[in-house]
Amino acid sequence: MLSTEHKANILRKAGYTVPAVPGSANSIYQTSQTWGKAVETLYVSYAAQRAAKSLRDAEEARMLASLQLRAARAYA
Protein backbone atom coordinates (compact mmCIF):
# COMPACT_ATOMS: atom_id res chain seq x y z
CA MET A 1 0.00 0.00 0.00
CA LEU A 2 1.26 3.45 -0.87
CA SER A 3 2.00 5.98 1.82
CA THR A 4 0.18 9.30 1.85
CA GLU A 5 3.41 11.11 0.95
CA HIS A 6 3.91 8.79 -2.03
CA LYS A 7 0.34 9.44 -3.18
CA ALA A 8 0.92 13.18 -2.84
CA ASN A 9 4.03 12.88 -5.04
CA ILE A 10 2.10 10.91 -7.67
CA LEU A 11 -0.60 13.56 -7.69
CA ARG A 12 1.96 16.35 -8.07
CA LYS A 13 3.61 14.57 -11.01
CA ALA A 14 0.18 14.13 -12.61
CA GLY A 15 -0.38 17.89 -12.39
CA TYR A 16 -2.74 18.04 -9.44
CA THR A 17 -2.48 20.77 -6.83
CA VAL A 18 -1.72 18.99 -3.57
CA PRO A 19 -2.34 20.75 -0.25
CA ALA A 20 0.76 21.80 1.66
CA VAL A 21 1.94 19.56 4.49
CA PRO A 22 0.89 20.71 7.98
CA GLY A 23 3.53 22.84 9.61
CA SER A 24 4.63 24.54 6.40
CA ALA A 25 3.95 28.22 5.80
CA ASN A 26 1.30 27.59 3.13
CA SER A 27 -0.62 24.87 4.95
CA ILE A 28 -4.27 25.37 5.78
CA TYR A 29 -4.40 22.06 7.67
CA GLN A 30 -3.80 21.93 11.40
CA THR A 31 -3.07 18.20 11.67
CA SER A 32 -1.48 15.60 9.48
CA GLN A 33 -4.66 13.54 9.80
CA THR A 34 -6.79 16.14 8.01
CA TRP A 35 -4.04 16.63 5.41
CA GLY A 36 -3.91 12.87 4.90
CA LYS A 37 -7.66 12.72 4.35
CA ALA A 38 -7.45 15.52 1.79
CA VAL A 39 -4.66 13.74 -0.09
CA GLU A 40 -6.49 10.40 0.07
CA THR A 41 -9.64 12.00 -1.34
CA LEU A 42 -7.70 13.55 -4.21
CA TYR A 43 -5.95 10.25 -4.90
CA VAL A 44 -9.22 8.31 -5.01
CA SER A 45 -10.56 10.82 -7.53
CA TYR A 46 -7.36 10.55 -9.58
CA ALA A 47 -7.48 6.74 -9.56
CA ALA A 48 -11.14 6.72 -10.60
CA GLN A 49 -10.41 9.09 -13.50
CA ARG A 50 -7.54 6.89 -14.67
CA ALA A 51 -9.69 3.76 -14.46
CA ALA A 52 -12.46 5.43 -16.44
CA LYS A 53 -9.97 6.53 -19.11
CA SER A 54 -8.58 3.00 -19.35
CA LEU A 55 -12.08 1.62 -19.84
CA ARG A 56 -12.84 4.20 -22.53
CA ASP A 57 -9.56 3.42 -24.32
CA ALA A 58 -10.24 -0.33 -24.18
CA GLU A 59 -13.74 0.14 -25.57
CA GLU A 60 -12.40 2.35 -28.34
CA ALA A 61 -9.80 -0.28 -29.26
CA ARG A 62 -12.47 -3.02 -29.23
CA MET A 63 -14.76 -1.00 -31.49
CA LEU A 64 -11.92 -0.18 -33.89
CA ALA A 65 -10.97 -3.86 -34.16
CA SER A 66 -14.62 -4.78 -34.75
CA LEU A 67 -14.99 -2.16 -37.49
CA GLN A 68 -11.76 -3.27 -39.15
CA LEU A 69 -12.95 -6.88 -39.15
CA ARG A 70 -16.31 -5.90 -40.66
CA ALA A 71 -14.61 -3.79 -43.32
CA ALA A 72 -12.27 -6.65 -44.23
CA ARG A 73 -15.24 -9.00 -44.61
CA ALA A 74 -17.24 -6.49 -46.67
CA TYR A 75 -14.47 -5.91 -49.21
CA ALA A 76 -13.07 -9.45 -49.36
PDB file of N, CA and C in Angstrom:
ATOM      1  N   MET A   1       0.841  -1.174   0.000  1.00  0.00           N
ATOM      2  CA  MET A   1       0.000   0.000   0.000  1.00  0.00           C
ATOM      3  C   MET A   1       0.892   1.245   0.000  1.00  0.00           C
ATOM      4  N   LEU A   2       0.476   2.232  -0.760  1.00  0.00           N
ATOM      5  CA  LEU A   2       1.259   3.453  -0.873  1.00  0.00           C
ATOM      6  C   LEU A   2       1.060   4.352   0.345  1.00  0.00           C
ATOM      7  N   SER A   3       2.114   5.028   0.717  1.00  0.00           N
ATOM      8  CA  SER A   3       1.997   5.982   1.817  1.00  0.00           C
ATOM      9  C   SER A   3       1.317   7.257   1.301  1.00  0.00           C
ATOM     10  N   THR A   4       0.841   8.048   2.222  1.00  0.00           N
ATOM     11  CA  THR A   4       0.178   9.302   1.852  1.00  0.00           C
ATOM     12  C   THR A   4       1.159  10.228   1.146  1.00  0.00           C
ATOM     13  N   GLU A   5       2.400  10.258   1.586  1.00  0.00           N
ATOM     14  CA  GLU A   5       3.410  11.106   0.949  1.00  0.00           C
ATOM     15  C   GLU A   5       3.658  10.657  -0.488  1.00  0.00           C
ATOM     16  N   HIS A   6       3.696   9.329  -0.684  1.00  0.00           N
ATOM     17  CA  HIS A   6       3.913   8.795  -2.029  1.00  0.00           C
ATOM     18  C   HIS A   6       2.740   9.163  -2.931  1.00  0.00           C
ATOM     19  N   LYS A   7       1.523   9.061  -2.411  1.00  0.00           N
ATOM     20  CA  LYS A   7       0.339   9.439  -3.180  1.00  0.00           C
ATOM     21  C   LYS A   7       0.374  10.924  -3.527  1.00  0.00           C
ATOM     22  N   ALA A   8       0.806  11.744  -2.589  1.00  0.00           N
ATOM     23  CA  ALA A   8       0.925  13.181  -2.843  1.00  0.00           C
ATOM     24  C   ALA A   8       1.929  13.441  -3.964  1.00  0.00           C
ATOM     25  N   ASN A   9       3.038  12.717  -3.969  1.00  0.00           N
ATOM     26  CA  ASN A   9       4.028  12.878  -5.039  1.00  0.00           C
ATOM     27  C   ASN A   9       3.472  12.456  -6.391  1.00  0.00           C
ATOM     28  N   ILE A  10       2.722  11.358  -6.425  1.00  0.00           N
ATOM     29  CA  ILE A  10       2.101  10.908  -7.671  1.00  0.00           C
ATOM     30  C   ILE A  10       1.147  11.968  -8.198  1.00  0.00           C
ATOM     31  N   LEU A  11       0.350  12.528  -7.293  1.00  0.00           N
ATOM     32  CA  LEU A  11      -0.601  13.562  -7.692  1.00  0.00           C
ATOM     33  C   LEU A  11       0.117  14.792  -8.243  1.00  0.00           C
ATOM     34  N   ARG A  12       1.195  15.196  -7.593  1.00  0.00           N
ATOM     35  CA  ARG A  12       1.960  16.353  -8.071  1.00  0.00           C
ATOM     36  C   ARG A  12       2.497  16.106  -9.478  1.00  0.00           C
ATOM     37  N   LYS A  13       3.059  14.907  -9.691  1.00  0.00           N
ATOM     38  CA  LYS A  13       3.613  14.574 -11.005  1.00  0.00           C
ATOM     39  C   LYS A  13       2.529  14.520 -12.069  1.00  0.00           C
ATOM     40  N   ALA A  14       1.303  14.190 -11.667  1.00  0.00           N
ATOM     41  CA  ALA A  14       0.180  14.134 -12.607  1.00  0.00           C
ATOM     42  C   ALA A  14      -0.422  15.512 -12.854  1.00  0.00           C
ATOM     43  N   GLY A  15       0.081  16.533 -12.165  1.00  0.00           N
ATOM     44  CA  GLY A  15      -0.381  17.894 -12.393  1.00  0.00           C
ATOM     45  C   GLY A  15      -1.461  18.377 -11.450  1.00  0.00           C
ATOM     46  N   TYR A  16      -1.736  17.619 -10.407  1.00  0.00           N
ATOM     47  CA  TYR A  16      -2.742  18.038  -9.438  1.00  0.00           C
ATOM     48  C   TYR A  16      -2.114  18.991  -8.425  1.00  0.00           C
ATOM     49  N   THR A  17      -2.915  19.884  -7.891  1.00  0.00           N
ATOM     50  CA  THR A  17      -2.476  20.770  -6.827  1.00  0.00           C
ATOM     51  C   THR A  17      -2.722  20.051  -5.510  1.00  0.00           C
ATOM     52  N   VAL A  18      -1.636  19.722  -4.835  1.00  0.00           N
ATOM     53  CA  VAL A  18      -1.716  18.986  -3.570  1.00  0.00           C
ATOM     54  C   VAL A  18      -1.587  19.974  -2.424  1.00  0.00           C
ATOM     55  N   PRO A  19      -2.445  19.841  -1.394  1.00  0.00           N
ATOM     56  CA  PRO A  19      -2.343  20.750  -0.251  1.00  0.00           C
ATOM     57  C   PRO A  19      -0.962  20.651   0.411  1.00  0.00           C
ATOM     58  N   ALA A  20      -0.534  21.759   0.970  1.00  0.00           N
ATOM     59  CA  ALA A  20       0.762  21.795   1.656  1.00  0.00           C
ATOM     60  C   ALA A  20       0.701  20.961   2.934  1.00  0.00           C
ATOM     61  N   VAL A  21       1.825  20.394   3.284  1.00  0.00           N
ATOM     62  CA  VAL A  21       1.943  19.564   4.486  1.00  0.00           C
ATOM     63  C   VAL A  21       1.760  20.438   5.726  1.00  0.00           C
ATOM     64  N   PRO A  22       1.058  19.923   6.745  1.00  0.00           N
ATOM     65  CA  PRO A  22       0.893  20.715   7.975  1.00  0.00           C
ATOM     66  C   PRO A  22       2.243  21.129   8.559  1.00  0.00           C
ATOM     67  N   GLY A  23       2.297  22.315   9.034  1.00  0.00           N
ATOM     68  CA  GLY A  23       3.533  22.838   9.608  1.00  0.00           C
ATOM     69  C   GLY A  23       4.292  23.734   8.647  1.00  0.00           C
ATOM     70  N   SER A  24       3.971  23.655   7.348  1.00  0.00           N
ATOM     71  CA  SER A  24       4.628  24.543   6.399  1.00  0.00           C
ATOM     72  C   SER A  24       3.882  25.878   6.370  1.00  0.00           C
ATOM     73  N   ALA A  25       4.511  26.861   5.789  1.00  0.00           N
ATOM     74  CA  ALA A  25       3.948  28.218   5.798  1.00  0.00           C
ATOM     75  C   ALA A  25       2.639  28.310   5.020  1.00  0.00           C
ATOM     76  N   ASN A  26       2.478  27.510   3.989  1.00  0.00           N
ATOM     77  CA  ASN A  26       1.295  27.592   3.128  1.00  0.00           C
ATOM     78  C   ASN A  26       0.177  26.629   3.522  1.00  0.00           C
ATOM     79  N   SER A  27       0.353  25.891   4.582  1.00  0.00           N
ATOM     80  CA  SER A  27      -0.617  24.871   4.946  1.00  0.00           C
ATOM     81  C   SER A  27      -1.860  25.463   5.599  1.00  0.00           C
ATOM     82  N   ILE A  28      -3.017  24.973   5.149  1.00  0.00           N
ATOM     83  CA  ILE A  28      -4.273  25.372   5.784  1.00  0.00           C
ATOM     84  C   ILE A  28      -4.734  24.292   6.767  1.00  0.00           C
ATOM     85  N   TYR A  29      -4.024  23.182   6.801  1.00  0.00           N
ATOM     86  CA  TYR A  29      -4.401  22.058   7.665  1.00  0.00           C
ATOM     87  C   TYR A  29      -3.651  22.129   8.986  1.00  0.00           C
ATOM     88  N   GLN A  30      -4.379  21.875  10.061  1.00  0.00           N
ATOM     89  CA  GLN A  30      -3.795  21.931  11.397  1.00  0.00           C
ATOM     90  C   GLN A  30      -3.108  20.623  11.781  1.00  0.00           C
ATOM     91  N   THR A  31      -3.637  19.505  11.299  1.00  0.00           N
ATOM     92  CA  THR A  31      -3.073  18.202  11.666  1.00  0.00           C
ATOM     93  C   THR A  31      -2.731  17.408  10.419  1.00  0.00           C
ATOM     94  N   SER A  32      -1.843  16.467  10.598  1.00  0.00           N
ATOM     95  CA  SER A  32      -1.479  15.603   9.478  1.00  0.00           C
ATOM     96  C   SER A  32      -2.629  14.667   9.126  1.00  0.00           C
ATOM     97  N   GLN A  33      -3.514  14.408  10.075  1.00  0.00           N
ATOM     98  CA  GLN A  33      -4.655  13.541   9.801  1.00  0.00           C
ATOM     99  C   GLN A  33      -5.602  14.192   8.791  1.00  0.00           C
ATOM    100  N   THR A  34      -5.907  15.466   8.955  1.00  0.00           N
ATOM    101  CA  THR A  34      -6.791  16.143   8.009  1.00  0.00           C
ATOM    102  C   THR A  34      -6.107  16.315   6.655  1.00  0.00           C
ATOM    103  N   TRP A  35      -4.804  16.549   6.659  1.00  0.00           N
ATOM    104  CA  TRP A  35      -4.044  16.630   5.413  1.00  0.00           C
ATOM    105  C   TRP A  35      -4.079  15.280   4.705  1.00  0.00           C
ATOM    106  N   GLY A  36      -3.883  14.222   5.470  1.00  0.00           N
ATOM    107  CA  GLY A  36      -3.909  12.873   4.901  1.00  0.00           C
ATOM    108  C   GLY A  36      -5.252  12.557   4.266  1.00  0.00           C
ATOM    109  N   LYS A  37      -6.333  12.951   4.918  1.00  0.00           N
ATOM    110  CA  LYS A  37      -7.664  12.718   4.347  1.00  0.00           C
ATOM    111  C   LYS A  37      -7.840  13.488   3.044  1.00  0.00           C
ATOM    112  N   ALA A  38      -7.346  14.713   3.010  1.00  0.00           N
ATOM    113  CA  ALA A  38      -7.449  15.522   1.790  1.00  0.00           C
ATOM    114  C   ALA A  38      -6.672  14.870   0.645  1.00  0.00           C
ATOM    115  N   VAL A  39      -5.481  14.390   0.929  1.00  0.00           N
ATOM    116  CA  VAL A  39      -4.661  13.735  -0.094  1.00  0.00           C
ATOM    117  C   VAL A  39      -5.322  12.433  -0.533  1.00  0.00           C
ATOM    118  N   GLU A  40      -5.818  11.656   0.407  1.00  0.00           N
ATOM    119  CA  GLU A  40      -6.487  10.399   0.074  1.00  0.00           C
ATOM    120  C   GLU A  40      -7.693  10.643  -0.821  1.00  0.00           C
ATOM    121  N   THR A  41      -8.473  11.675  -0.531  1.00  0.00           N
ATOM    122  CA  THR A  41      -9.641  12.000  -1.340  1.00  0.00           C
ATOM    123  C   THR A  41      -9.231  12.380  -2.760  1.00  0.00           C
ATOM    124  N   LEU A  42      -8.202  13.187  -2.884  1.00  0.00           N
ATOM    125  CA  LEU A  42      -7.697  13.550  -4.214  1.00  0.00           C
ATOM    126  C   LEU A  42      -7.205  12.322  -4.969  1.00  0.00           C
ATOM    127  N   TYR A  43      -6.514  11.432  -4.257  1.00  0.00           N
ATOM    128  CA  TYR A  43      -5.952  10.247  -4.896  1.00  0.00           C
ATOM    129  C   TYR A  43      -7.051   9.300  -5.381  1.00  0.00           C
ATOM    130  N   VAL A  44      -8.106   9.148  -4.592  1.00  0.00           N
ATOM    131  CA  VAL A  44      -9.225   8.307  -5.012  1.00  0.00           C
ATOM    132  C   VAL A  44      -9.851   8.871  -6.286  1.00  0.00           C
ATOM    133  N   SER A  45     -10.022  10.174  -6.339  1.00  0.00           N
ATOM    134  CA  SER A  45     -10.562  10.821  -7.531  1.00  0.00           C
ATOM    135  C   SER A  45      -9.640  10.593  -8.733  1.00  0.00           C
ATOM    136  N   TYR A  46      -8.355  10.752  -8.529  1.00  0.00           N
ATOM    137  CA  TYR A  46      -7.358  10.545  -9.581  1.00  0.00           C
ATOM    138  C   TYR A  46      -7.404   9.103 -10.089  1.00  0.00           C
ATOM    139  N   ALA A  47      -7.448   8.150  -9.176  1.00  0.00           N
ATOM    140  CA  ALA A  47      -7.475   6.741  -9.557  1.00  0.00           C
ATOM    141  C   ALA A  47      -8.756   6.405 -10.326  1.00  0.00           C
ATOM    142  N   ALA A  48      -9.875   6.962  -9.906  1.00  0.00           N
ATOM    143  CA  ALA A  48     -11.141   6.720 -10.604  1.00  0.00           C
ATOM    144  C   ALA A  48     -11.103   7.307 -12.014  1.00  0.00           C
ATOM    145  N   GLN A  49     -10.521   8.482 -12.169  1.00  0.00           N
ATOM    146  CA  GLN A  49     -10.405   9.087 -13.495  1.00  0.00           C
ATOM    147  C   GLN A  49      -9.521   8.257 -14.408  1.00  0.00           C
ATOM    148  N   ARG A  50      -8.429   7.734 -13.874  1.00  0.00           N
ATOM    149  CA  ARG A  50      -7.540   6.889 -14.673  1.00  0.00           C
ATOM    150  C   ARG A  50      -8.224   5.596 -15.076  1.00  0.00           C
ATOM    151  N   ALA A  51      -8.968   5.001 -14.146  1.00  0.00           N
ATOM    152  CA  ALA A  51      -9.685   3.764 -14.457  1.00  0.00           C
ATOM    153  C   ALA A  51     -10.733   4.000 -15.539  1.00  0.00           C
ATOM    154  N   ALA A  52     -11.449   5.105 -15.437  1.00  0.00           N
ATOM    155  CA  ALA A  52     -12.459   5.430 -16.444  1.00  0.00           C
ATOM    156  C   ALA A  52     -11.819   5.643 -17.812  1.00  0.00           C
ATOM    157  N   LYS A  53     -10.671   6.303 -17.847  1.00  0.00           N
ATOM    158  CA  LYS A  53      -9.974   6.527 -19.114  1.00  0.00           C
ATOM    159  C   LYS A  53      -9.509   5.202 -19.705  1.00  0.00           C
ATOM    160  N   SER A  54      -9.013   4.313 -18.866  1.00  0.00           N
ATOM    161  CA  SER A  54      -8.577   3.004 -19.350  1.00  0.00           C
ATOM    162  C   SER A  54      -9.741   2.232 -19.954  1.00  0.00           C
ATOM    163  N   LEU A  55     -10.899   2.297 -19.310  1.00  0.00           N
ATOM    164  CA  LEU A  55     -12.077   1.620 -19.844  1.00  0.00           C
ATOM    165  C   LEU A  55     -12.510   2.225 -21.174  1.00  0.00           C
ATOM    166  N   ARG A  56     -12.482   3.554 -21.268  1.00  0.00           N
ATOM    167  CA  ARG A  56     -12.835   4.205 -22.535  1.00  0.00           C
ATOM    168  C   ARG A  56     -11.859   3.811 -23.639  1.00  0.00           C
ATOM    169  N   ASP A  57     -10.571   3.794 -23.323  1.00  0.00           N
ATOM    170  CA  ASP A  57      -9.556   3.418 -24.315  1.00  0.00           C
ATOM    171  C   ASP A  57      -9.732   1.974 -24.766  1.00  0.00           C
ATOM    172  N   ALA A  58     -10.031   1.072 -23.834  1.00  0.00           N
ATOM    173  CA  ALA A  58     -10.235  -0.331 -24.178  1.00  0.00           C
ATOM    174  C   ALA A  58     -11.465  -0.500 -25.063  1.00  0.00           C
ATOM    175  N   GLU A  59     -12.530   0.209 -24.753  1.00  0.00           N
ATOM    176  CA  GLU A  59     -13.739   0.140 -25.566  1.00  0.00           C
ATOM    177  C   GLU A  59     -13.486   0.695 -26.959  1.00  0.00           C
ATOM    178  N   GLU A  60     -12.744   1.769 -27.045  1.00  0.00           N
ATOM    179  CA  GLU A  60     -12.404   2.350 -28.344  1.00  0.00           C
ATOM    180  C   GLU A  60     -11.586   1.363 -29.178  1.00  0.00           C
ATOM    181  N   ALA A  61     -10.618   0.701 -28.554  1.00  0.00           N
ATOM    182  CA  ALA A  61      -9.796  -0.284 -29.263  1.00  0.00           C
ATOM    183  C   ALA A  61     -10.650  -1.469 -29.719  1.00  0.00           C
ATOM    184  N   ARG A  62     -11.589  -1.910 -28.884  1.00  0.00           N
ATOM    185  CA  ARG A  62     -12.467  -3.020 -29.231  1.00  0.00           C
ATOM    186  C   ARG A  62     -13.346  -2.651 -30.425  1.00  0.00           C
ATOM    187  N   MET A  63     -13.909  -1.442 -30.394  1.00  0.00           N
ATOM    188  CA  MET A  63     -14.763  -0.997 -31.494  1.00  0.00           C
ATOM    189  C   MET A  63     -13.970  -0.853 -32.788  1.00  0.00           C
ATOM    190  N   LEU A  64     -12.758  -0.334 -32.707  1.00  0.00           N
ATOM    191  CA  LEU A  64     -11.924  -0.181 -33.890  1.00  0.00           C
ATOM    192  C   LEU A  64     -11.612  -1.544 -34.500  1.00  0.00           C
ATOM    193  N   ALA A  65     -11.260  -2.512 -33.668  1.00  0.00           N
ATOM    194  CA  ALA A  65     -10.974  -3.864 -34.160  1.00  0.00           C
ATOM    195  C   ALA A  65     -12.210  -4.474 -34.807  1.00  0.00           C
ATOM    196  N   SER A  66     -13.372  -4.261 -34.200  1.00  0.00           N
ATOM    197  CA  SER A  66     -14.619  -4.779 -34.755  1.00  0.00           C
ATOM    198  C   SER A  66     -14.922  -4.151 -36.109  1.00  0.00           C
ATOM    199  N   LEU A  67     -14.745  -2.853 -36.219  1.00  0.00           N
ATOM    200  CA  LEU A  67     -14.994  -2.162 -37.492  1.00  0.00           C
ATOM    201  C   LEU A  67     -14.010  -2.610 -38.571  1.00  0.00           C
ATOM    202  N   GLN A  68     -12.757  -2.812 -38.185  1.00  0.00           N
ATOM    203  CA  GLN A  68     -11.762  -3.267 -39.155  1.00  0.00           C
ATOM    204  C   GLN A  68     -12.100  -4.663 -39.654  1.00  0.00           C
ATOM    205  N   LEU A  69     -12.568  -5.521 -38.773  1.00  0.00           N
ATOM    206  CA  LEU A  69     -12.955  -6.876 -39.154  1.00  0.00           C
ATOM    207  C   LEU A  69     -14.155  -6.853 -40.109  1.00  0.00           C
ATOM    208  N   ARG A  70     -15.140  -6.023 -39.792  1.00  0.00           N
ATOM    209  CA  ARG A  70     -16.310  -5.903 -40.660  1.00  0.00           C
ATOM    210  C   ARG A  70     -15.925  -5.338 -42.036  1.00  0.00           C
ATOM    211  N   ALA A  71     -15.045  -4.373 -42.056  1.00  0.00           N
ATOM    212  CA  ALA A  71     -14.613  -3.786 -43.315  1.00  0.00           C
ATOM    213  C   ALA A  71     -13.860  -4.819 -44.139  1.00  0.00           C
ATOM    214  N   ALA A  72     -13.027  -5.625 -43.498  1.00  0.00           N
ATOM    215  CA  ALA A  72     -12.265  -6.650 -44.228  1.00  0.00           C
ATOM    216  C   ALA A  72     -13.206  -7.684 -44.831  1.00  0.00           C
ATOM    217  N   ARG A  73     -14.265  -8.037 -44.105  1.00  0.00           N
ATOM    218  CA  ARG A  73     -15.239  -9.003 -44.615  1.00  0.00           C
ATOM    219  C   ARG A  73     -16.062  -8.411 -45.761  1.00  0.00           C
ATOM    220  N   ALA A  74     -16.386  -7.146 -45.669  1.00  0.00           N
ATOM    221  CA  ALA A  74     -17.236  -6.494 -46.669  1.00  0.00           C
ATOM    222  C   ALA A  74     -16.523  -6.338 -47.997  1.00  0.00           C
ATOM    223  N   TYR A  75     -15.224  -6.145 -47.972  1.00  0.00           N
ATOM    224  CA  TYR A  75     -14.466  -5.905 -49.209  1.00  0.00           C
ATOM    225  C   TYR A  75     -13.615  -7.105 -49.623  1.00  0.00           C
ATOM    226  N   ALA A  76     -13.865  -8.255 -49.020  1.00  0.00           N
ATOM    227  CA  ALA A  76     -13.075  -9.450 -49.361  1.00  0.00           C
ATOM    228  C   ALA A  76     -13.668 -10.190 -50.533  1.00  0.00           C
TER     229      ALA A  76
END
